Each structure stands twice: as C-alpha cells, then as structure tokens.
C-alpha atoms as a PDB file:
ATOM      1  CA  MET A   1      -0.056   0.023  -0.232  1.00  0.00           C
ATOM      2  CA  ILE A   2       1.221   3.126  -0.881  1.00  0.00           C
ATOM      3  CA  ARG A   3       1.105   6.019   2.167  1.00  0.00           C
ATOM      4  CA  ILE A   4      -0.607   9.166   0.966  1.00  0.00           C
ATOM      5  CA  ASP A   5      -0.470  12.217   3.695  1.00  0.00           C
ATOM      6  CA  ALA A   6      -1.779  14.878   1.634  1.00  0.00           C
ATOM      7  CA  VAL A   7      -3.745  14.816  -1.827  1.00  0.00           C
ATOM      8  CA  TRP A   8      -3.274  18.034  -4.006  1.00  0.00           C
ATOM      9  CA  LEU A   9      -5.788  18.569  -6.804  1.00  0.00           C
ATOM     10  CA  ALA A  10      -4.322  20.534  -9.701  1.00  0.00           C
ATOM     11  CA  VAL A  11      -7.140  23.054 -10.948  1.00  0.00           C
ATOM     12  CA  GLU A  12      -5.711  23.812 -14.566  1.00  0.00           C
ATOM     13  CA  PRO A  13      -6.586  20.831 -17.213  1.00  0.00           C
ATOM     14  CA  ILE A  14      -3.802  18.496 -18.667  1.00  0.00           C
ATOM     15  CA  ASP A  15      -3.685  16.677 -21.484  1.00  0.00           C
ATOM     16  CA  MET A  16      -3.936  13.050 -20.501  1.00  0.00           C
ATOM     17  CA  ARG A  17      -1.257  11.654 -22.800  1.00  0.00           C
ATOM     18  CA  ALA A  18       0.718  12.973 -20.317  1.00  0.00           C
ATOM     19  CA  GLY A  19       2.896  10.246 -18.469  1.00  0.00           C
ATOM     20  CA  ALA A  20       4.645  10.279 -15.305  1.00  0.00           C
ATOM     21  CA  GLU A  21       7.480  12.500 -16.370  1.00  0.00           C
ATOM     22  CA  ARG A  22       5.467  15.279 -17.661  1.00  0.00           C
ATOM     23  CA  LEU A  23       2.827  15.313 -14.428  1.00  0.00           C
ATOM     24  CA  LEU A  24       5.949  15.375 -12.189  1.00  0.00           C
ATOM     25  CA  ALA A  25       7.264  18.486 -14.397  1.00  0.00           C
ATOM     26  CA  SER A  26       3.780  19.852 -13.902  1.00  0.00           C
ATOM     27  CA  VAL A  27       3.902  19.196  -9.634  1.00  0.00           C
ATOM     28  CA  VAL A  28       7.598  21.061  -9.860  1.00  0.00           C
ATOM     29  CA  GLN A  29       6.802  24.150 -11.931  1.00  0.00           C
ATOM     30  CA  VAL A  30       3.395  24.515  -9.549  1.00  0.00           C
ATOM     31  CA  PHE A  31       4.548  23.445  -6.027  1.00  0.00           C
ATOM     32  CA  GLY A  32       8.382  23.899  -6.483  1.00  0.00           C
ATOM     33  CA  ALA A  33       9.100  19.963  -5.526  1.00  0.00           C
ATOM     34  CA  ALA A  34       6.967  16.881  -5.145  1.00  0.00           C
ATOM     35  CA  GLN A  35       6.790  15.995  -1.880  1.00  0.00           C
ATOM     36  CA  ALA A  36       7.194  12.565  -0.453  1.00  0.00           C
ATOM     37  CA  HIS A  37       3.763  10.609   0.598  1.00  0.00           C
ATOM     38  CA  HIS A  38       1.836  13.692  -1.410  1.00  0.00           C
ATOM     39  CA  GLY A  39      -0.635  12.764  -4.248  1.00  0.00           C
ATOM     40  CA  TYR A  40      -1.348  15.315  -6.912  1.00  0.00           C
ATOM     41  CA  VAL A  41      -4.328  14.797  -9.134  1.00  0.00           C
ATOM     42  CA  PHE A  42      -4.762  16.208 -12.805  1.00  0.00           C
ATOM     43  CA  ALA A  43      -8.037  16.041 -14.977  1.00  0.00           C
ATOM     44  CA  ASN A  44      -8.585  16.356 -18.546  1.00  0.00           C
ATOM     45  CA  ALA A  45     -10.386  19.675 -19.864  1.00  0.00           C
ATOM     46  CA  ARG A  46     -13.712  17.917 -19.764  1.00  0.00           C
ATOM     47  CA  SER A  47     -12.889  16.580 -16.314  1.00  0.00           C
ATOM     48  CA  THR A  48     -14.063  12.855 -17.729  1.00  0.00           C
ATOM     49  CA  ARG A  49     -10.708  11.589 -16.939  1.00  0.00           C
ATOM     50  CA  ILE A  50      -8.110  12.061 -13.990  1.00  0.00           C
ATOM     51  CA  LYS A  51      -4.658  11.008 -13.042  1.00  0.00           C
ATOM     52  CA  LEU A  52      -3.052  10.440  -9.652  1.00  0.00           C
ATOM     53  CA  LEU A  53       0.826  11.141  -9.277  1.00  0.00           C
ATOM     54  CA  VAL A  54       2.165  10.204  -5.899  1.00  0.00           C
ATOM     55  CA  HIS A  55       5.772  10.293  -4.724  1.00  0.00           C
ATOM     56  CA  ASP A  56       6.476   7.414  -2.327  1.00  0.00           C
ATOM     57  CA  GLY A  57       9.931   8.985  -1.262  1.00  0.00           C
ATOM     58  CA  PHE A  58      11.635   6.906  -4.156  1.00  0.00           C
ATOM     59  CA  GLY A  59       9.882   7.094  -6.847  1.00  0.00           C
ATOM     60  CA  VAL A  60       6.621   8.139  -8.551  1.00  0.00           C
ATOM     61  CA  TRP A  61       3.595   6.494  -9.080  1.00  0.00           C
ATOM     62  CA  CYS A  62       0.810   7.093 -11.773  1.00  0.00           C
ATOM     63  CA  ALA A  63      -2.591   5.845 -11.636  1.00  0.00           C
ATOM     64  CA  ALA A  64      -5.601   7.069 -14.037  1.00  0.00           C
ATOM     65  CA  ARG A  65      -9.321   6.708 -13.866  1.00  0.00           C
ATOM     66  CA  ARG A  66     -12.168   7.659 -16.351  1.00  0.00           C
ATOM     67  CA  LEU A  67     -16.172   8.056 -16.146  1.00  0.00           C
ATOM     68  CA  ASN A  68     -18.063   6.316 -18.816  1.00  0.00           C
ATOM     69  CA  LYS A  69     -21.076   8.870 -18.039  1.00  0.00           C
ATOM     70  CA  GLY A  70     -20.884  12.071 -16.508  1.00  0.00           C
ATOM     71  CA  SER A  71     -17.593  14.019 -15.325  1.00  0.00           C
ATOM     72  CA  PHE A  72     -15.628  14.389 -12.116  1.00  0.00           C
ATOM     73  CA  GLU A  73     -16.600  17.282  -9.939  1.00  0.00           C
ATOM     74  CA  TRP A  74     -13.704  19.745 -10.665  1.00  0.00           C
ATOM     75  CA  PRO A  75     -13.331  23.575 -10.125  1.00  0.00           C
ATOM     76  CA  HIS A  76     -13.840  25.579 -13.674  1.00  0.00           C
ATOM     77  CA  GLY A  77     -13.938  28.996 -14.534  1.00  0.00           C
ATOM     78  CA  PRO A  78     -12.235  32.338 -13.259  1.00  0.00           C
ATOM     79  CA  ALA A  79     -13.933  31.856  -9.665  1.00  0.00           C
ATOM     80  CA  ALA A  80     -11.762  28.608  -9.357  1.00  0.00           C
ATOM     81  CA  GLY A  81      -8.469  30.428  -9.935  1.00  0.00           C
ATOM     82  CA  THR A  82      -5.039  28.626 -10.750  1.00  0.00           C
ATOM     83  CA  ALA A  83      -4.014  27.745  -7.058  1.00  0.00           C
ATOM     84  CA  PRO A  84      -3.698  24.032  -6.249  1.00  0.00           C
ATOM     85  CA  VAL A  85      -6.474  22.899  -3.854  1.00  0.00           C
ATOM     86  CA  THR A  86      -5.770  20.399  -0.712  1.00  0.00           C
ATOM     87  CA  LEU A  87      -8.193  17.803  -0.323  1.00  0.00           C
ATOM     88  CA  THR A  88      -9.137  15.571   2.615  1.00  0.00           C
ATOM     89  CA  SER A  89      -9.236  11.527   2.301  1.00  0.00           C
ATOM     90  CA  ASP A  90     -13.002  11.978   2.494  1.00  0.00           C
ATOM     91  CA  GLN A  91     -12.906  14.278  -0.374  1.00  0.00           C
ATOM     92  CA  PHE A  92     -10.630  12.358  -2.302  1.00  0.00           C
ATOM     93  CA  ASN A  93     -12.655   9.252  -2.025  1.00  0.00           C
ATOM     94  CA  ALA A  94     -15.585  10.982  -3.046  1.00  0.00           C
ATOM     95  CA  LEU A  95     -13.771  12.927  -6.349  1.00  0.00           C
ATOM     96  CA  VAL A  96     -12.270   9.325  -7.668  1.00  0.00           C
ATOM     97  CA  LEU A  97     -16.008   7.848  -7.234  1.00  0.00           C
ATOM     98  CA  GLY A  98     -17.319  10.701  -9.132  1.00  0.00           C
ATOM     99  CA  LEU A  99     -19.366  12.337  -6.436  1.00  0.00           C
ATOM    100  CA  PRO A 100     -19.743  16.108  -5.268  1.00  0.00           C
ATOM    101  CA  TRP A 101     -16.465  16.180  -2.920  1.00  0.00           C
ATOM    102  CA  GLN A 102     -16.817  20.010  -2.630  1.00  0.00           C
ATOM    103  CA  ARG A 103     -20.441  19.458  -0.722  1.00  0.00           C
ATOM    104  CA  LEU A 104     -19.665  16.474   1.513  1.00  0.00           C
ATOM    105  CA  GLU A 105     -20.003  18.401   4.411  1.00  0.00           C
ATOM    106  CA  GLN A 106     -23.700  19.575   3.683  1.00  0.00           C
ATOM    107  CA  LEU A 107     -24.537  16.001   2.582  1.00  0.00           C
ATOM    108  CA  ARG A 108     -23.766  14.527   5.661  1.00  0.00           C
ATOM    109  CA  ARG A 109     -26.743  16.367   7.298  1.00  0.00           C
ATOM    110  CA  ILE A 110     -30.460  16.528   6.449  1.00  0.00           C
ATOM    111  CA  THR A 111     -32.015  19.483   7.319  1.00  0.00           C
ATOM    112  CA  ARG A 112     -35.366  18.955   5.102  1.00  0.00           C
ATOM    113  CA  MET A 113     -38.003  16.323   4.735  1.00  0.00           C
END
C-alpha cells in the first residue's frame, strides 16, 4: 500500500496523454517540488478523466481513472483560480467515485424532509 499523507488537486486541465515525467514536471513547476507521500490529481478539460501522481519517497506512481458517464466534480472558470486545492481523504475518496466532494459536509446532514 502506498502511503498518501496529503492530496492536492491541480485546477488547470492537462492533456491525458501526459505520462509520469510530464506530470512530475507540472508538479515541480506549480509546487516547486514533489513532496514524499503527497498525491497530485490532474484532470482533462472535460473532467471525464483523472490521473493521480504519488511520490512514495523513492519514485513516482501514476494511476488513471475515467468515468463512462458524467464527469468528475472539478473547479472550473475564473472563480476556481489557478492555485492548487488540498483535499481531505474523504474528499479524495468521493472525487474518484465521481461524487460531489465539494459538498461533503452538506451531504452529511439532512436538514429538510
């Protein structure tokens, strides 16, 4: 099992043909360095595919996921900005399932019947 202490969401879309080296170059450009045991999540422009790059302290792992229907919840437009977003483990788990990870706290409570 690969340990992931922090997960970062790269807001800018990336070409899904990018491999681990190109994703790593993007991480270094945005963050200055790839931190050990940190995961970095990227999406294509339509948010139908994501890639996760993880630095395990010795090398990097790259995983991909796509949705056959719909799209991943992803910040878009000028309101999203360009700064990376950090995700909790619950938010990351919801994201990879295609669930609305930005509204997890709202979804945990039932306020109307």
